[in-house]
Amino acid sequence: FTRRLTSSDFVGFWYSWSRISFATVS
């Protein structure tokens, strides 16, 4: 899922706690 994200997926608003979510995946 993360590999296939494109620039169009990054331009929108993301909740700031999503940053912790990526570390949770690691």
mmCIF file of all heavy atoms, coordinates in Angstrom:
data_MODEL
# 
_entry.id   MODEL 
# 
loop_
_atom_site.group_PDB 
_atom_site.id 
_atom_site.type_symbol 
_atom_site.label_atom_id 
_atom_site.label_alt_id 
_atom_site.label_comp_id 
_atom_site.label_asym_id 
_atom_site.label_entity_id 
_atom_site.label_seq_id 
_atom_site.pdbx_PDB_ins_code 
_atom_site.Cartn_x 
_atom_site.Cartn_y 
_atom_site.Cartn_z 
_atom_site.occupancy 
_atom_site.B_iso_or_equiv 
_atom_site.pdbx_formal_charge 
_atom_site.auth_seq_id 
_atom_site.auth_comp_id 
_atom_site.auth_asym_id 
_atom_site.auth_atom_id 
_atom_site.pdbx_PDB_model_num 
ATOM 1   N N   . PHE A 1 1  ? 0.831  -1.205 0.000  1.00 0.00 ? 1  PHE A N   1 
ATOM 2   C CA  . PHE A 1 1  ? 0.000  0.000  0.000  1.00 0.00 ? 1  PHE A CA  1 
ATOM 3   C C   . PHE A 1 1  ? 0.868  1.258  0.000  1.00 0.00 ? 1  PHE A C   1 
ATOM 4   O O   . PHE A 1 1  ? 0.645  2.190  -0.772 1.00 0.00 ? 1  PHE A O   1 
ATOM 5   C CB  . PHE A 1 1  ? -0.913 -0.035 1.232  1.00 0.00 ? 1  PHE A CB  1 
ATOM 6   C CG  . PHE A 1 1  ? -1.774 1.188  1.407  1.00 0.00 ? 1  PHE A CG  1 
ATOM 7   C CD1 . PHE A 1 1  ? -3.026 1.267  0.824  1.00 0.00 ? 1  PHE A CD1 1 
ATOM 8   C CD2 . PHE A 1 1  ? -1.341 2.251  2.179  1.00 0.00 ? 1  PHE A CD2 1 
ATOM 9   C CE1 . PHE A 1 1  ? -3.820 2.388  0.995  1.00 0.00 ? 1  PHE A CE1 1 
ATOM 10  C CE2 . PHE A 1 1  ? -2.123 3.378  2.359  1.00 0.00 ? 1  PHE A CE2 1 
ATOM 11  C CZ  . PHE A 1 1  ? -3.370 3.442  1.761  1.00 0.00 ? 1  PHE A CZ  1 
ATOM 12  N N   . THR A 1 2  ? 1.864  1.285  0.865  1.00 0.00 ? 2  THR A N   1 
ATOM 13  C CA  . THR A 1 2  ? 2.716  2.462  0.984  1.00 0.00 ? 2  THR A CA  1 
ATOM 14  C C   . THR A 1 2  ? 3.588  2.631  -0.247 1.00 0.00 ? 2  THR A C   1 
ATOM 15  O O   . THR A 1 2  ? 3.859  3.756  -0.682 1.00 0.00 ? 2  THR A O   1 
ATOM 16  C CB  . THR A 1 2  ? 3.584  2.357  2.248  1.00 0.00 ? 2  THR A CB  1 
ATOM 17  O OG1 . THR A 1 2  ? 2.752  2.084  3.378  1.00 0.00 ? 2  THR A OG1 1 
ATOM 18  C CG2 . THR A 1 2  ? 4.357  3.634  2.495  1.00 0.00 ? 2  THR A CG2 1 
ATOM 19  N N   . ARG A 1 3  ? 4.056  1.534  -0.817 1.00 0.00 ? 3  ARG A N   1 
ATOM 20  C CA  . ARG A 1 3  ? 4.893  1.616  -2.012 1.00 0.00 ? 3  ARG A CA  1 
ATOM 21  C C   . ARG A 1 3  ? 4.134  2.254  -3.164 1.00 0.00 ? 3  ARG A C   1 
ATOM 22  O O   . ARG A 1 3  ? 4.719  2.992  -3.964 1.00 0.00 ? 3  ARG A O   1 
ATOM 23  C CB  . ARG A 1 3  ? 5.374  0.224  -2.418 1.00 0.00 ? 3  ARG A CB  1 
ATOM 24  C CG  . ARG A 1 3  ? 6.216  0.235  -3.702 1.00 0.00 ? 3  ARG A CG  1 
ATOM 25  C CD  . ARG A 1 3  ? 6.485  -1.150 -4.224 1.00 0.00 ? 3  ARG A CD  1 
ATOM 26  N NE  . ARG A 1 3  ? 7.288  -1.936 -3.296 1.00 0.00 ? 3  ARG A NE  1 
ATOM 27  C CZ  . ARG A 1 3  ? 6.881  -3.054 -2.695 1.00 0.00 ? 3  ARG A CZ  1 
ATOM 28  N NH1 . ARG A 1 3  ? 5.633  -3.495 -2.920 1.00 0.00 ? 3  ARG A NH1 1 
ATOM 29  N NH2 . ARG A 1 3  ? 7.672  -3.711 -1.873 1.00 0.00 ? 3  ARG A NH2 1 
ATOM 30  N N   . ARG A 1 4  ? 2.837  2.005  -3.274 1.00 0.00 ? 4  ARG A N   1 
ATOM 31  C CA  . ARG A 1 4  ? 2.063  2.466  -4.421 1.00 0.00 ? 4  ARG A CA  1 
ATOM 32  C C   . ARG A 1 4  ? 1.467  3.863  -4.236 1.00 0.00 ? 4  ARG A C   1 
ATOM 33  O O   . ARG A 1 4  ? 0.752  4.340  -5.110 1.00 0.00 ? 4  ARG A O   1 
ATOM 34  C CB  . ARG A 1 4  ? 0.947  1.462  -4.731 1.00 0.00 ? 4  ARG A CB  1 
ATOM 35  C CG  . ARG A 1 4  ? 1.482  0.108  -5.167 1.00 0.00 ? 4  ARG A CG  1 
ATOM 36  C CD  . ARG A 1 4  ? 0.358  -0.892 -5.379 1.00 0.00 ? 4  ARG A CD  1 
ATOM 37  N NE  . ARG A 1 4  ? 0.884  -2.186 -5.755 1.00 0.00 ? 4  ARG A NE  1 
ATOM 38  C CZ  . ARG A 1 4  ? 1.145  -2.575 -7.007 1.00 0.00 ? 4  ARG A CZ  1 
ATOM 39  N NH1 . ARG A 1 4  ? 0.956  -1.730 -7.995 1.00 0.00 ? 4  ARG A NH1 1 
ATOM 40  N NH2 . ARG A 1 4  ? 1.613  -3.770 -7.252 1.00 0.00 ? 4  ARG A NH2 1 
ATOM 41  N N   . LEU A 1 5  ? 1.720  4.487  -3.101 1.00 0.00 ? 5  LEU A N   1 
ATOM 42  C CA  . LEU A 1 5  ? 1.264  5.861  -2.931 1.00 0.00 ? 5  LEU A CA  1 
ATOM 43  C C   . LEU A 1 5  ? 1.993  6.772  -3.912 1.00 0.00 ? 5  LEU A C   1 
ATOM 44  O O   . LEU A 1 5  ? 3.195  6.632  -4.134 1.00 0.00 ? 5  LEU A O   1 
ATOM 45  C CB  . LEU A 1 5  ? 1.515  6.338  -1.495 1.00 0.00 ? 5  LEU A CB  1 
ATOM 46  C CG  . LEU A 1 5  ? 0.733  5.632  -0.385 1.00 0.00 ? 5  LEU A CG  1 
ATOM 47  C CD1 . LEU A 1 5  ? 1.116  6.198  0.972  1.00 0.00 ? 5  LEU A CD1 1 
ATOM 48  C CD2 . LEU A 1 5  ? -0.770 5.751  -0.604 1.00 0.00 ? 5  LEU A CD2 1 
ATOM 49  N N   . THR A 1 6  ? 1.252  7.697  -4.466 1.00 0.00 ? 6  THR A N   1 
ATOM 50  C CA  . THR A 1 6  ? 1.823  8.624  -5.441 1.00 0.00 ? 6  THR A CA  1 
ATOM 51  C C   . THR A 1 6  ? 1.710  10.057 -4.923 1.00 0.00 ? 6  THR A C   1 
ATOM 52  O O   . THR A 1 6  ? 1.144  10.314 -3.860 1.00 0.00 ? 6  THR A O   1 
ATOM 53  C CB  . THR A 1 6  ? 1.103  8.504  -6.791 1.00 0.00 ? 6  THR A CB  1 
ATOM 54  O OG1 . THR A 1 6  ? -0.264 8.914  -6.635 1.00 0.00 ? 6  THR A OG1 1 
ATOM 55  C CG2 . THR A 1 6  ? 1.146  7.070  -7.301 1.00 0.00 ? 6  THR A CG2 1 
ATOM 56  N N   . SER A 1 7  ? 2.229  10.983 -5.701 1.00 0.00 ? 7  SER A N   1 
ATOM 57  C CA  . SER A 1 7  ? 2.205  12.385 -5.287 1.00 0.00 ? 7  SER A CA  1 
ATOM 58  C C   . SER A 1 7  ? 0.790  12.884 -5.066 1.00 0.00 ? 7  SER A C   1 
ATOM 59  O O   . SER A 1 7  ? 0.547  13.748 -4.213 1.00 0.00 ? 7  SER A O   1 
ATOM 60  C CB  . SER A 1 7  ? 2.912  13.249 -6.331 1.00 0.00 ? 7  SER A CB  1 
ATOM 61  O OG  . SER A 1 7  ? 2.297  13.097 -7.597 1.00 0.00 ? 7  SER A OG  1 
ATOM 62  N N   . SER A 1 8  ? -0.182 12.347 -5.810 1.00 0.00 ? 8  SER A N   1 
ATOM 63  C CA  . SER A 1 8  ? -1.566 12.786 -5.628 1.00 0.00 ? 8  SER A CA  1 
ATOM 64  C C   . SER A 1 8  ? -2.106 12.387 -4.263 1.00 0.00 ? 8  SER A C   1 
ATOM 65  O O   . SER A 1 8  ? -3.046 13.004 -3.761 1.00 0.00 ? 8  SER A O   1 
ATOM 66  C CB  . SER A 1 8  ? -2.458 12.196 -6.729 1.00 0.00 ? 8  SER A CB  1 
ATOM 67  O OG  . SER A 1 8  ? -2.475 10.780 -6.655 1.00 0.00 ? 8  SER A OG  1 
ATOM 68  N N   . ASP A 1 9  ? -1.523 11.354 -3.663 1.00 0.00 ? 9  ASP A N   1 
ATOM 69  C CA  . ASP A 1 9  ? -1.952 10.926 -2.333 1.00 0.00 ? 9  ASP A CA  1 
ATOM 70  C C   . ASP A 1 9  ? -1.300 11.746 -1.234 1.00 0.00 ? 9  ASP A C   1 
ATOM 71  O O   . ASP A 1 9  ? -1.782 11.771 -0.101 1.00 0.00 ? 9  ASP A O   1 
ATOM 72  C CB  . ASP A 1 9  ? -1.614 9.448  -2.117 1.00 0.00 ? 9  ASP A CB  1 
ATOM 73  C CG  . ASP A 1 9  ? -2.303 8.547  -3.108 1.00 0.00 ? 9  ASP A CG  1 
ATOM 74  O OD1 . ASP A 1 9  ? -3.541 8.514  -3.100 1.00 0.00 ? 9  ASP A OD1 1 
ATOM 75  O OD2 . ASP A 1 9  ? -1.606 7.895  -3.900 1.00 0.00 ? 9  ASP A OD2 1 
ATOM 76  N N   . PHE A 1 10 ? -0.220 12.420 -1.537 1.00 0.00 ? 10 PHE A N   1 
ATOM 77  C CA  . PHE A 1 10 ? 0.504  13.184 -0.522 1.00 0.00 ? 10 PHE A CA  1 
ATOM 78  C C   . PHE A 1 10 ? 0.071  14.643 -0.452 1.00 0.00 ? 10 PHE A C   1 
ATOM 79  O O   . PHE A 1 10 ? 0.414  15.330 0.512  1.00 0.00 ? 10 PHE A O   1 
ATOM 80  C CB  . PHE A 1 10 ? 2.015  13.135 -0.798 1.00 0.00 ? 10 PHE A CB  1 
ATOM 81  C CG  . PHE A 1 10 ? 2.593  11.746 -0.763 1.00 0.00 ? 10 PHE A CG  1 
ATOM 82  C CD1 . PHE A 1 10 ? 3.637  11.398 -1.606 1.00 0.00 ? 10 PHE A CD1 1 
ATOM 83  C CD2 . PHE A 1 10 ? 2.098  10.787 0.101  1.00 0.00 ? 10 PHE A CD2 1 
ATOM 84  C CE1 . PHE A 1 10 ? 4.173  10.120 -1.588 1.00 0.00 ? 10 PHE A CE1 1 
ATOM 85  C CE2 . PHE A 1 10 ? 2.622  9.506  0.134  1.00 0.00 ? 10 PHE A CE2 1 
ATOM 86  C CZ  . PHE A 1 10 ? 3.661  9.167  -0.716 1.00 0.00 ? 10 PHE A CZ  1 
ATOM 87  N N   . VAL A 1 11 ? -0.638 15.123 -1.471 1.00 0.00 ? 11 VAL A N   1 
ATOM 88  C CA  . VAL A 1 11 ? -0.949 16.548 -1.508 1.00 0.00 ? 11 VAL A CA  1 
ATOM 89  C C   . VAL A 1 11 ? -2.077 16.918 -0.558 1.00 0.00 ? 11 VAL A C   1 
ATOM 90  O O   . VAL A 1 11 ? -2.246 18.082 -0.211 1.00 0.00 ? 11 VAL A O   1 
ATOM 91  C CB  . VAL A 1 11 ? -1.321 16.994 -2.935 1.00 0.00 ? 11 VAL A CB  1 
ATOM 92  C CG1 . VAL A 1 11 ? -0.150 16.798 -3.867 1.00 0.00 ? 11 VAL A CG1 1 
ATOM 93  C CG2 . VAL A 1 11 ? -2.559 16.261 -3.443 1.00 0.00 ? 11 VAL A CG2 1 
ATOM 94  N N   . GLY A 1 12 ? -2.889 15.962 -0.133 1.00 0.00 ? 12 GLY A N   1 
ATOM 95  C CA  . GLY A 1 12 ? -4.014 16.277 0.725  1.00 0.00 ? 12 GLY A CA  1 
ATOM 96  C C   . GLY A 1 12 ? -3.616 16.420 2.180  1.00 0.00 ? 12 GLY A C   1 
ATOM 97  O O   . GLY A 1 12 ? -2.450 16.321 2.560  1.00 0.00 ? 12 GLY A O   1 
ATOM 98  N N   . PHE A 1 13 ? -4.614 16.691 3.004  1.00 0.00 ? 13 PHE A N   1 
ATOM 99  C CA  . PHE A 1 13 ? -4.393 16.844 4.434  1.00 0.00 ? 13 PHE A CA  1 
ATOM 100 C C   . PHE A 1 13 ? -4.297 15.473 5.087  1.00 0.00 ? 13 PHE A C   1 
ATOM 101 O O   . PHE A 1 13 ? -5.160 14.617 4.904  1.00 0.00 ? 13 PHE A O   1 
ATOM 102 C CB  . PHE A 1 13 ? -5.545 17.644 5.053  1.00 0.00 ? 13 PHE A CB  1 
ATOM 103 C CG  . PHE A 1 13 ? -5.437 17.788 6.548  1.00 0.00 ? 13 PHE A CG  1 
ATOM 104 C CD1 . PHE A 1 13 ? -4.711 18.827 7.101  1.00 0.00 ? 13 PHE A CD1 1 
ATOM 105 C CD2 . PHE A 1 13 ? -6.062 16.889 7.395  1.00 0.00 ? 13 PHE A CD2 1 
ATOM 106 C CE1 . PHE A 1 13 ? -4.607 18.970 8.471  1.00 0.00 ? 13 PHE A CE1 1 
ATOM 107 C CE2 . PHE A 1 13 ? -5.968 17.023 8.769  1.00 0.00 ? 13 PHE A CE2 1 
ATOM 108 C CZ  . PHE A 1 13 ? -5.238 18.059 9.307  1.00 0.00 ? 13 PHE A CZ  1 
ATOM 109 N N   . TRP A 1 14 ? -3.238 15.265 5.840  1.00 0.00 ? 14 TRP A N   1 
ATOM 110 C CA  . TRP A 1 14 ? -3.059 14.047 6.628  1.00 0.00 ? 14 TRP A CA  1 
ATOM 111 C C   . TRP A 1 14 ? -3.045 14.438 8.106  1.00 0.00 ? 14 TRP A C   1 
ATOM 112 O O   . TRP A 1 14 ? -2.446 15.443 8.494  1.00 0.00 ? 14 TRP A O   1 
ATOM 113 C CB  . TRP A 1 14 ? -1.743 13.352 6.278  1.00 0.00 ? 14 TRP A CB  1 
ATOM 114 C CG  . TRP A 1 14 ? -1.772 12.602 4.983  1.00 0.00 ? 14 TRP A CG  1 
ATOM 115 C CD1 . TRP A 1 14 ? -1.893 13.135 3.731  1.00 0.00 ? 14 TRP A CD1 1 
ATOM 116 C CD2 . TRP A 1 14 ? -1.661 11.186 4.801  1.00 0.00 ? 14 TRP A CD2 1 
ATOM 117 N NE1 . TRP A 1 14 ? -1.855 12.144 2.782  1.00 0.00 ? 14 TRP A NE1 1 
ATOM 118 C CE2 . TRP A 1 14 ? -1.719 10.927 3.413  1.00 0.00 ? 14 TRP A CE2 1 
ATOM 119 C CE3 . TRP A 1 14 ? -1.513 10.106 5.668  1.00 0.00 ? 14 TRP A CE3 1 
ATOM 120 C CZ2 . TRP A 1 14 ? -1.641 9.652  2.881  1.00 0.00 ? 14 TRP A CZ2 1 
ATOM 121 C CZ3 . TRP A 1 14 ? -1.429 8.825  5.144  1.00 0.00 ? 14 TRP A CZ3 1 
ATOM 122 C CH2 . TRP A 1 14 ? -1.494 8.597  3.764  1.00 0.00 ? 14 TRP A CH2 1 
ATOM 123 N N   . TYR A 1 15 ? -3.699 13.642 8.926  1.00 0.00 ? 15 TYR A N   1 
ATOM 124 C CA  . TYR A 1 15 ? -3.677 13.894 10.367 1.00 0.00 ? 15 TYR A CA  1 
ATOM 125 C C   . TYR A 1 15 ? -2.253 13.739 10.888 1.00 0.00 ? 15 TYR A C   1 
ATOM 126 O O   . TYR A 1 15 ? -1.520 12.838 10.470 1.00 0.00 ? 15 TYR A O   1 
ATOM 127 C CB  . TYR A 1 15 ? -4.620 12.935 11.089 1.00 0.00 ? 15 TYR A CB  1 
ATOM 128 C CG  . TYR A 1 15 ? -6.049 13.044 10.624 1.00 0.00 ? 15 TYR A CG  1 
ATOM 129 C CD1 . TYR A 1 15 ? -6.566 12.185 9.651  1.00 0.00 ? 15 TYR A CD1 1 
ATOM 130 C CD2 . TYR A 1 15 ? -6.887 14.032 11.139 1.00 0.00 ? 15 TYR A CD2 1 
ATOM 131 C CE1 . TYR A 1 15 ? -7.867 12.296 9.216  1.00 0.00 ? 15 TYR A CE1 1 
ATOM 132 C CE2 . TYR A 1 15 ? -8.197 14.145 10.706 1.00 0.00 ? 15 TYR A CE2 1 
ATOM 133 C CZ  . TYR A 1 15 ? -8.688 13.279 9.744  1.00 0.00 ? 15 TYR A CZ  1 
ATOM 134 O OH  . TYR A 1 15 ? -9.977 13.390 9.298  1.00 0.00 ? 15 TYR A OH  1 
ATOM 135 N N   . SER A 1 16 ? -1.873 14.603 11.800 1.00 0.00 ? 16 SER A N   1 
ATOM 136 C CA  . SER A 1 16 ? -0.480 14.605 12.266 1.00 0.00 ? 16 SER A CA  1 
ATOM 137 C C   . SER A 1 16 ? -0.104 13.312 12.969 1.00 0.00 ? 16 SER A C   1 
ATOM 138 O O   . SER A 1 16 ? 1.069  12.932 12.983 1.00 0.00 ? 16 SER A O   1 
ATOM 139 C CB  . SER A 1 16 ? -0.244 15.799 13.197 1.00 0.00 ? 16 SER A CB  1 
ATOM 140 O OG  . SER A 1 16 ? -1.066 15.726 14.346 1.00 0.00 ? 16 SER A OG  1 
ATOM 141 N N   . TRP A 1 17 ? -1.086 12.601 13.546 1.00 0.00 ? 17 TRP A N   1 
ATOM 142 C CA  . TRP A 1 17 ? -0.745 11.336 14.202 1.00 0.00 ? 17 TRP A CA  1 
ATOM 143 C C   . TRP A 1 17 ? -0.428 10.227 13.198 1.00 0.00 ? 17 TRP A C   1 
ATOM 144 O O   . TRP A 1 17 ? 0.027  9.147  13.606 1.00 0.00 ? 17 TRP A O   1 
ATOM 145 C CB  . TRP A 1 17 ? -1.854 10.889 15.151 1.00 0.00 ? 17 TRP A CB  1 
ATOM 146 C CG  . TRP A 1 17 ? -3.263 11.040 14.676 1.00 0.00 ? 17 TRP A CG  1 
ATOM 147 C CD1 . TRP A 1 17 ? -4.151 12.017 15.025 1.00 0.00 ? 17 TRP A CD1 1 
ATOM 148 C CD2 . TRP A 1 17 ? -3.968 10.179 13.765 1.00 0.00 ? 17 TRP A CD2 1 
ATOM 149 N NE1 . TRP A 1 17 ? -5.357 11.833 14.392 1.00 0.00 ? 17 TRP A NE1 1 
ATOM 150 C CE2 . TRP A 1 17 ? -5.276 10.703 13.619 1.00 0.00 ? 17 TRP A CE2 1 
ATOM 151 C CE3 . TRP A 1 17 ? -3.638 9.022  13.068 1.00 0.00 ? 17 TRP A CE3 1 
ATOM 152 C CZ2 . TRP A 1 17 ? -6.233 10.112 12.796 1.00 0.00 ? 17 TRP A CZ2 1 
ATOM 153 C CZ3 . TRP A 1 17 ? -4.593 8.428  12.245 1.00 0.00 ? 17 TRP A CZ3 1 
ATOM 154 C CH2 . TRP A 1 17 ? -5.866 8.973  12.126 1.00 0.00 ? 17 TRP A CH2 1 
ATOM 155 N N   . SER A 1 18 ? -0.641 10.457 11.915 1.00 0.00 ? 18 SER A N   1 
ATOM 156 C CA  . SER A 1 18 ? -0.238 9.461  10.911 1.00 0.00 ? 18 SER A CA  1 
ATOM 157 C C   . SER A 1 18 ? 1.268  9.237  10.944 1.00 0.00 ? 18 SER A C   1 
ATOM 158 O O   . SER A 1 18 ? 1.757  8.157  10.597 1.00 0.00 ? 18 SER A O   1 
ATOM 159 C CB  . SER A 1 18 ? -0.666 9.918  9.513  1.00 0.00 ? 18 SER A CB  1 
ATOM 160 O OG  . SER A 1 18 ? -2.067 10.073 9.424  1.00 0.00 ? 18 SER A OG  1 
ATOM 161 N N   . ARG A 1 19 ? 2.005  10.256 11.362 1.00 0.00 ? 19 ARG A N   1 
ATOM 162 C CA  . ARG A 1 19 ? 3.463  10.133 11.469 1.00 0.00 ? 19 ARG A CA  1 
ATOM 163 C C   . ARG A 1 19 ? 3.840  9.024  12.451 1.00 0.00 ? 19 ARG A C   1 
ATOM 164 O O   . ARG A 1 19 ? 4.753  8.225  12.189 1.00 0.00 ? 19 ARG A O   1 
ATOM 165 C CB  . ARG A 1 19 ? 4.035  11.475 11.939 1.00 0.00 ? 19 ARG A CB  1 
ATOM 166 C CG  . ARG A 1 19 ? 5.518  11.639 11.814 1.00 0.00 ? 19 ARG A CG  1 
ATOM 167 C CD  . ARG A 1 19 ? 5.901  13.070 12.141 1.00 0.00 ? 19 ARG A CD  1 
ATOM 168 N NE  . ARG A 1 19 ? 5.622  13.397 13.524 1.00 0.00 ? 19 ARG A NE  1 
ATOM 169 C CZ  . ARG A 1 19 ? 6.520  13.295 14.503 1.00 0.00 ? 19 ARG A CZ  1 
ATOM 170 N NH1 . ARG A 1 19 ? 7.743  12.881 14.234 1.00 0.00 ? 19 ARG A NH1 1 
ATOM 171 N NH2 . ARG A 1 19 ? 6.204  13.618 15.743 1.00 0.00 ? 19 ARG A NH2 1 
ATOM 172 N N   . ILE A 1 20 ? 3.129  8.944  13.573 1.00 0.00 ? 20 ILE A N   1 
ATOM 173 C CA  . ILE A 1 20 ? 3.389  7.883  14.544 1.00 0.00 ? 20 ILE A CA  1 
ATOM 174 C C   . ILE A 1 20 ? 2.975  6.532  13.969 1.00 0.00 ? 20 ILE A C   1 
ATOM 175 O O   . ILE A 1 20 ? 3.584  5.505  14.276 1.00 0.00 ? 20 ILE A O   1 
ATOM 176 C CB  . ILE A 1 20 ? 2.640  8.171  15.856 1.00 0.00 ? 20 ILE A CB  1 
ATOM 177 C CG1 . ILE A 1 20 ? 2.868  9.607  16.303 1.00 0.00 ? 20 ILE A CG1 1 
ATOM 178 C CG2 . ILE A 1 20 ? 3.055  7.208  16.949 1.00 0.00 ? 20 ILE A CG2 1 
ATOM 179 C CD1 . ILE A 1 20 ? 2.032  10.017 17.501 1.00 0.00 ? 20 ILE A CD1 1 
ATOM 180 N N   . SER A 1 21 ? 1.955  6.535  13.120 1.00 0.00 ? 21 SER A N   1 
ATOM 181 C CA  . SER A 1 21 ? 1.475  5.274  12.544 1.00 0.00 ? 21 SER A CA  1 
ATOM 182 C C   . SER A 1 21 ? 2.542  4.618  11.676 1.00 0.00 ? 21 SER A C   1 
ATOM 183 O O   . SER A 1 21 ? 2.700  3.389  11.693 1.00 0.00 ? 21 SER A O   1 
ATOM 184 C CB  . SER A 1 21 ? 0.208  5.530  11.726 1.00 0.00 ? 21 SER A CB  1 
ATOM 185 O OG  . SER A 1 21 ? -0.818 6.062  12.539 1.00 0.00 ? 21 SER A OG  1 
ATOM 186 N N   . PHE A 1 22 ? 3.276  5.401  10.899 1.00 0.00 ? 22 PHE A N   1 
ATOM 187 C CA  . PHE A 1 22 ? 4.334  4.815  10.074 1.00 0.00 ? 22 PHE A CA  1 
ATOM 188 C C   . PHE A 1 22 ? 5.427  4.196  10.948 1.00 0.00 ? 22 PHE A C   1 
ATOM 189 O O   . PHE A 1 22 ? 5.986  3.151  10.603 1.00 0.00 ? 22 PHE A O   1 
ATOM 190 C CB  . PHE A 1 22 ? 4.920  5.872  9.141  1.00 0.00 ? 22 PHE A CB  1 
ATOM 191 C CG  . PHE A 1 22 ? 4.036  6.225  7.980  1.00 0.00 ? 22 PHE A CG  1 
ATOM 192 C CD1 . PHE A 1 22 ? 3.339  7.423  7.953  1.00 0.00 ? 22 PHE A CD1 1 
ATOM 193 C CD2 . PHE A 1 22 ? 3.887  5.347  6.919  1.00 0.00 ? 22 PHE A CD2 1 
ATOM 194 C CE1 . PHE A 1 22 ? 2.521  7.753  6.891  1.00 0.00 ? 22 PHE A CE1 1 
ATOM 195 C CE2 . PHE A 1 22 ? 3.065  5.663  5.844  1.00 0.00 ? 22 PHE A CE2 1 
ATOM 196 C CZ  . PHE A 1 22 ? 2.376  6.869  5.837  1.00 0.00 ? 22 PHE A CZ  1 
ATOM 197 N N   . ALA A 1 23 ? 5.751  4.833  12.073 1.00 0.00 ? 23 ALA A N   1 
ATOM 198 C CA  . ALA A 1 23 ? 6.722  4.238  12.993 1.00 0.00 ? 23 ALA A CA  1 
ATOM 199 C C   . ALA A 1 23 ? 6.166  2.973  13.618 1.00 0.00 ? 23 ALA A C   1 
ATOM 200 O O   . ALA A 1 23 ? 6.911  2.013  13.895 1.00 0.00 ? 23 ALA A O   1 
ATOM 201 C CB  . ALA A 1 23 ? 7.096  5.249  14.080 1.00 0.00 ? 23 ALA A CB  1 
ATOM 202 N N   . THR A 1 24 ? 4.846  2.915  13.844 1.00 0.00 ? 24 THR A N   1 
ATOM 203 C CA  . THR A 1 24 ? 4.214  1.713  14.391 1.00 0.00 ? 24 THR A CA  1 
ATOM 204 C C   . THR A 1 24 ? 4.354  0.543  13.426 1.00 0.00 ? 24 THR A C   1 
ATOM 205 O O   . THR A 1 24 ? 4.547  -0.603 13.844 1.00 0.00 ? 24 THR A O   1 
ATOM 206 C CB  . THR A 1 24 ? 2.730  1.998  14.682 1.00 0.00 ? 24 THR A CB  1 
ATOM 207 O OG1 . THR A 1 24 ? 2.628  3.095  15.604 1.00 0.00 ? 24 THR A OG1 1 
ATOM 208 C CG2 . THR A 1 24 ? 2.053  0.780  15.277 1.00 0.00 ? 24 THR A CG2 1 
ATOM 209 N N   . VAL A 1 25 ? 4.249  0.812  12.132 1.00 0.00 ? 25 VAL A N   1 
ATOM 210 C CA  . VAL A 1 25 ? 4.440  -0.253 11.138 1.00 0.00 ? 25 VAL A CA  1 
ATOM 211 C C   . VAL A 1 25 ? 5.866  -0.794 11.215 1.00 0.00 ? 25 VAL A C   1 
ATOM 212 O O   . VAL A 1 25 ? 6.085  -2.013 11.166 1.00 0.00 ? 25 VAL A O   1 
ATOM 213 C CB  . VAL A 1 25 ? 4.125  0.273  9.726  1.00 0.00 ? 25 VAL A CB  1 
ATOM 214 C CG1 . VAL A 1 25 ? 4.382  -0.818 8.688  1.00 0.00 ? 25 VAL A CG1 1 
ATOM 215 C CG2 . VAL A 1 25 ? 2.684  0.757  9.643  1.00 0.00 ? 25 VAL A CG2 1 
ATOM 216 N N   . SER A 1 26 ? 6.854  0.080  11.330 1.00 0.00 ? 26 SER A N   1 
ATOM 217 C CA  . SER A 1 26 ? 8.246  -0.373 11.452 1.00 0.00 ? 26 SER A CA  1 
ATOM 218 C C   . SER A 1 26 ? 8.408  -1.299 12.645 1.00 0.00 ? 26 SER A C   1 
ATOM 219 O O   . SER A 1 26 ? 9.068  -2.350 12.568 1.00 0.00 ? 26 SER A O   1 
ATOM 220 C CB  . SER A 1 26 ? 9.177  0.839  11.592 1.00 0.00 ? 26 SER A CB  1 
ATOM 221 O OG  . SER A 1 26 ? 9.124  1.668  10.447 1.00 0.00 ? 26 SER A OG  1 
# 
